[in-house]
Protein backbone atom coordinates (compact mmCIF):
# COMPACT_ATOMS: atom_id res chain seq x y z
CA MET A 1 98.14 119.14 129.95
CA ASP A 2 94.52 118.09 130.59
CA LYS A 3 91.78 119.88 128.55
CA ALA A 4 88.14 119.57 127.62
CA SER A 5 87.54 120.60 123.99
CA PHE A 6 84.77 120.74 121.60
CA GLU A 7 84.22 120.50 117.68
CA ILE A 8 80.93 122.05 116.42
CA ILE A 9 79.82 122.13 112.85
CA GLY A 10 76.78 124.30 112.30
CA ASN A 11 75.21 127.46 110.86
CA VAL A 12 75.55 130.94 112.43
CA GLY A 13 72.29 132.40 113.53
CA LYS A 14 73.61 135.46 115.19
CA CYS A 15 77.16 137.12 115.00
CA GLU A 16 78.16 140.03 117.32
CA ILE A 17 81.35 141.73 117.73
CA LYS A 18 82.00 143.43 121.17
CA ASP A 19 84.83 145.92 122.31
CA VAL A 20 86.49 144.86 125.69
CA LYS A 21 89.08 146.38 127.77
CA GLY A 22 92.26 147.45 126.22
CA GLY A 23 90.94 147.93 122.81
CA LYS A 24 90.49 144.27 122.09
CA LYS A 25 87.43 142.59 120.64
CA ILE A 26 85.66 139.39 121.07
CA ALA A 27 83.05 137.78 118.72
CA ILE A 28 80.00 136.05 120.18
CA LEU A 29 78.39 133.57 117.84
CA SER A 30 75.18 131.73 118.19
CA VAL A 31 75.60 128.57 116.09
CA ALA A 32 72.89 125.89 115.37
CA THR A 33 73.45 122.16 115.16
CA SER A 34 70.74 119.52 114.71
CA GLU A 35 69.99 115.98 114.84
CA ARG A 36 67.53 113.95 112.73
CA TRP A 37 65.94 110.61 113.41
CA LYS A 38 63.28 108.41 112.04
CA ARG A 39 60.27 107.52 114.35
CA ASP A 40 58.92 103.97 114.72
CA ASP A 41 55.88 105.16 112.68
CA GLY A 42 58.33 106.26 109.73
CA GLU A 43 58.00 109.98 110.13
CA TRP A 44 61.26 111.96 110.55
CA ASN A 45 61.79 114.26 113.66
CA GLU A 46 64.37 116.85 113.94
CA LYS A 47 65.78 118.76 116.88
CA THR A 48 67.89 122.06 116.86
CA TYR A 49 70.37 122.99 119.56
CA TRP A 50 71.85 126.52 119.94
CA HIS A 51 75.27 126.97 121.08
CA ARG A 52 76.81 130.32 122.37
CA ILE A 53 80.45 130.50 121.46
CA ALA A 54 83.07 133.16 122.43
CA VAL A 55 85.85 133.90 120.18
CA PHE A 56 88.72 135.85 121.68
CA ALA A 57 91.85 135.34 119.80
CA PRO A 58 92.57 138.65 117.90
CA ALA A 59 93.39 136.82 114.32
CA LYS A 60 90.21 134.74 114.79
CA VAL A 61 87.98 137.54 115.80
CA GLN A 62 89.14 139.43 112.76
CA ARG A 63 88.39 136.35 110.65
CA VAL A 64 84.75 136.35 111.97
CA GLU A 65 84.39 140.13 111.31
CA THR A 66 85.40 139.70 107.56
CA MET A 67 83.97 136.44 106.72
CA VAL A 68 81.11 135.31 108.89
CA GLN A 69 77.44 136.51 108.83
CA LYS A 70 74.06 134.80 109.53
CA GLY A 71 73.79 131.58 107.74
CA THR A 72 77.58 130.85 107.33
CA ARG A 73 78.27 127.30 107.93
CA LEU A 74 81.29 126.95 110.21
CA ARG A 75 83.53 124.29 111.96
CA LEU A 76 84.80 125.45 115.29
CA VAL A 77 87.08 123.89 117.64
CA GLY A 78 87.94 125.12 121.10
CA GLN A 79 87.87 124.64 124.85
CA ILE A 80 84.91 123.87 127.11
CA ARG A 81 84.81 125.98 130.30
CA PRO A 82 82.56 125.74 133.27
CA GLY A 83 81.50 129.17 134.42
CA SER A 84 78.94 130.91 136.61
CA TYR A 85 77.22 134.12 137.32
CA ASP A 86 74.68 135.53 139.64
CA ASP A 87 71.26 136.74 138.02
CA ASP A 88 69.29 139.62 138.82
CA LYS A 89 67.75 137.80 142.09
CA GLY A 90 71.25 136.93 143.39
CA ILE A 91 70.90 133.19 142.32
CA THR A 92 74.02 131.77 140.95
CA LYS A 93 73.54 130.13 137.40
CA TYR A 94 76.09 127.62 136.14
CA VAL A 95 76.82 127.51 132.40
CA VAL A 96 79.05 125.66 130.06
CA GLU A 97 81.19 128.14 127.83
CA PHE A 98 82.57 127.33 124.58
CA ALA A 99 85.53 129.45 123.79
CA VAL A 100 87.97 129.73 120.75
CA GLY A 101 91.26 131.02 121.76
CA PRO A 102 94.64 130.96 120.34
CA PHE A 103 94.86 127.11 120.00
CA GLY A 104 91.22 126.89 118.52
CA ASP A 105 90.15 126.73 114.93
CA ILE A 106 87.42 128.40 112.84
CA GLU A 107 87.03 127.05 109.41
CA VAL A 108 84.32 128.43 106.96
CA LEU A 109 82.62 125.64 105.28
CA ALA A 110 79.96 127.46 103.22
CA ARG A 111 78.78 131.02 102.95
CA PRO A 112 75.07 131.89 102.75
CA LYS A 113 73.69 132.59 99.34
CA PRO A 114 73.60 136.36 98.69
CA LYS A 115 70.11 137.73 98.68
CA SER A 116 68.89 138.90 95.42
CA GLU A 117 68.14 142.63 95.28
CA ALA A 118 64.70 143.63 94.16
CA ALA A 119 64.79 145.80 90.97
């Protein structure tokens, strides 16, 4: 079997749980990764990339619901899928979808520090 897969390690920016047909749920995660390099003048540069990841395996959606919030550091493994949609003007847009299904993996690497409550 051929497949296109991904592994992303990054921090969650947004986590959304959506209801879909048949009473099922999916989780849509926005995950940031970054790279850092030193320029010729000795200064550091950093570039952040945002990835949209759909989680649809029920057990994994449940894990996201109970364990993931903004700032959670995750390791995600899944499939890369090409997709397309028509925008409001009828123009076809092509996208790359990152999907975590039954054979994918979600590993919580670190949770964000709890915000201290003001007294």
